Amino acid sequence: MSCILYTRQGCCLCDEAEALLREHGLVPEKVDIDQDEALRGRYNECVPVVVIDGRERFRGRIDPRLLKRLLKHRG
C-alpha cells in the first residue's frame, strides 16, 4: 500500500498525522509542499494531506475511525 503525506516543516498536525499513520502500519513518503510551488499552491491551507494508493483520503486532521475503516476494507 502506498502512502504519501504532504507536509511542511514545523507543522504539528503533520507530525500527529505521521505518527497515526505509522501506528496503523503505514510508512508514509513525506513530501514537503514548500519545496514545490505547485504543491504549495494546491495544499497551502490544507496540510497535512494523506494520499493512500493514489487517492486523497484526508486533509488536516486524520479521523482515526475512518482510517481504521479504510484499512480494514482494503483487506
Protein backbone atom coordinates (compact mmCIF):
# COMPACT_ATOMS: atom_id res chain seq x y z
CA MET A 1 0.00 0.00 0.00
CA SER A 2 1.45 3.36 -0.97
CA CYS A 3 1.03 6.32 1.33
CA ILE A 4 2.09 9.91 0.72
CA LEU A 5 1.98 12.55 3.42
CA TYR A 6 2.07 16.11 2.10
CA THR A 7 3.56 18.17 4.90
CA ARG A 8 5.70 21.16 5.81
CA GLN A 9 8.35 21.95 8.40
CA GLY A 10 7.05 22.97 11.82
CA CYS A 11 3.54 21.59 11.28
CA CYS A 12 2.39 19.85 14.48
CA LEU A 13 -0.70 18.42 12.73
CA CYS A 14 1.64 16.87 10.18
CA ASP A 15 3.70 15.26 12.95
CA GLU A 16 0.50 13.87 14.52
CA ALA A 17 -0.64 12.54 11.14
CA GLU A 18 2.67 10.77 10.54
CA ALA A 19 2.58 9.17 13.99
CA LEU A 20 -1.01 7.96 13.48
CA LEU A 21 -0.22 6.51 10.05
CA ARG A 22 2.79 4.65 11.48
CA GLU A 23 0.67 3.33 14.38
CA HIS A 24 -1.54 1.73 11.75
CA GLY A 25 1.37 0.10 9.93
CA LEU A 26 1.78 2.63 7.14
CA VAL A 27 5.15 4.12 6.22
CA PRO A 28 4.33 7.42 4.58
CA GLU A 29 6.53 9.03 1.97
CA LYS A 30 6.81 12.59 3.24
CA VAL A 31 6.65 15.39 0.67
CA ASP A 32 7.37 18.95 1.81
CA ILE A 33 4.95 21.17 -0.09
CA ASP A 34 7.15 24.21 0.43
CA GLN A 35 9.78 22.67 -1.86
CA ASP A 36 7.39 22.72 -4.84
CA GLU A 37 5.47 25.83 -5.88
CA ALA A 38 2.63 23.84 -7.47
CA LEU A 39 2.14 21.70 -4.35
CA ARG A 40 2.28 24.77 -2.11
CA GLY A 41 -0.41 26.41 -4.24
CA ARG A 42 -2.57 23.30 -4.09
CA TYR A 43 -2.17 22.34 -0.41
CA ASN A 44 -1.00 25.50 1.39
CA GLU A 45 -4.02 25.77 3.73
CA CYS A 46 -4.71 22.02 3.91
CA VAL A 47 -1.66 20.21 5.31
CA PRO A 48 -1.35 17.53 6.28
CA VAL A 49 -2.80 15.80 3.24
CA VAL A 50 -2.77 12.00 3.10
CA VAL A 51 -2.89 10.09 -0.18
CA ILE A 52 -3.30 6.32 0.05
CA ASP A 53 -2.96 4.19 -3.08
CA GLY A 54 -3.23 7.27 -5.27
CA ARG A 55 -6.42 8.65 -3.70
CA GLU A 56 -6.56 11.69 -1.46
CA ARG A 57 -8.10 10.45 1.78
CA PHE A 58 -7.54 13.12 4.43
CA ARG A 59 -6.88 16.87 4.68
CA GLY A 60 -5.97 18.37 8.03
CA ARG A 61 -6.60 16.04 10.93
CA ILE A 62 -6.91 12.32 10.29
CA ASP A 63 -10.00 10.71 11.77
CA PRO A 64 -8.65 7.51 13.38
CA ARG A 65 -12.00 5.71 12.96
CA LEU A 66 -12.13 6.47 9.25
CA LEU A 67 -8.50 5.40 8.84
CA LYS A 68 -9.20 2.07 10.57
CA ARG A 69 -12.27 1.51 8.41
CA LEU A 70 -10.35 2.34 5.24
CA LEU A 71 -7.52 -0.05 6.10
CA LYS A 72 -9.92 -2.81 7.17
CA HIS A 73 -11.81 -2.67 3.86
CA ARG A 74 -8.58 -2.83 1.91
CA GLY A 75 -8.14 -6.35 3.20
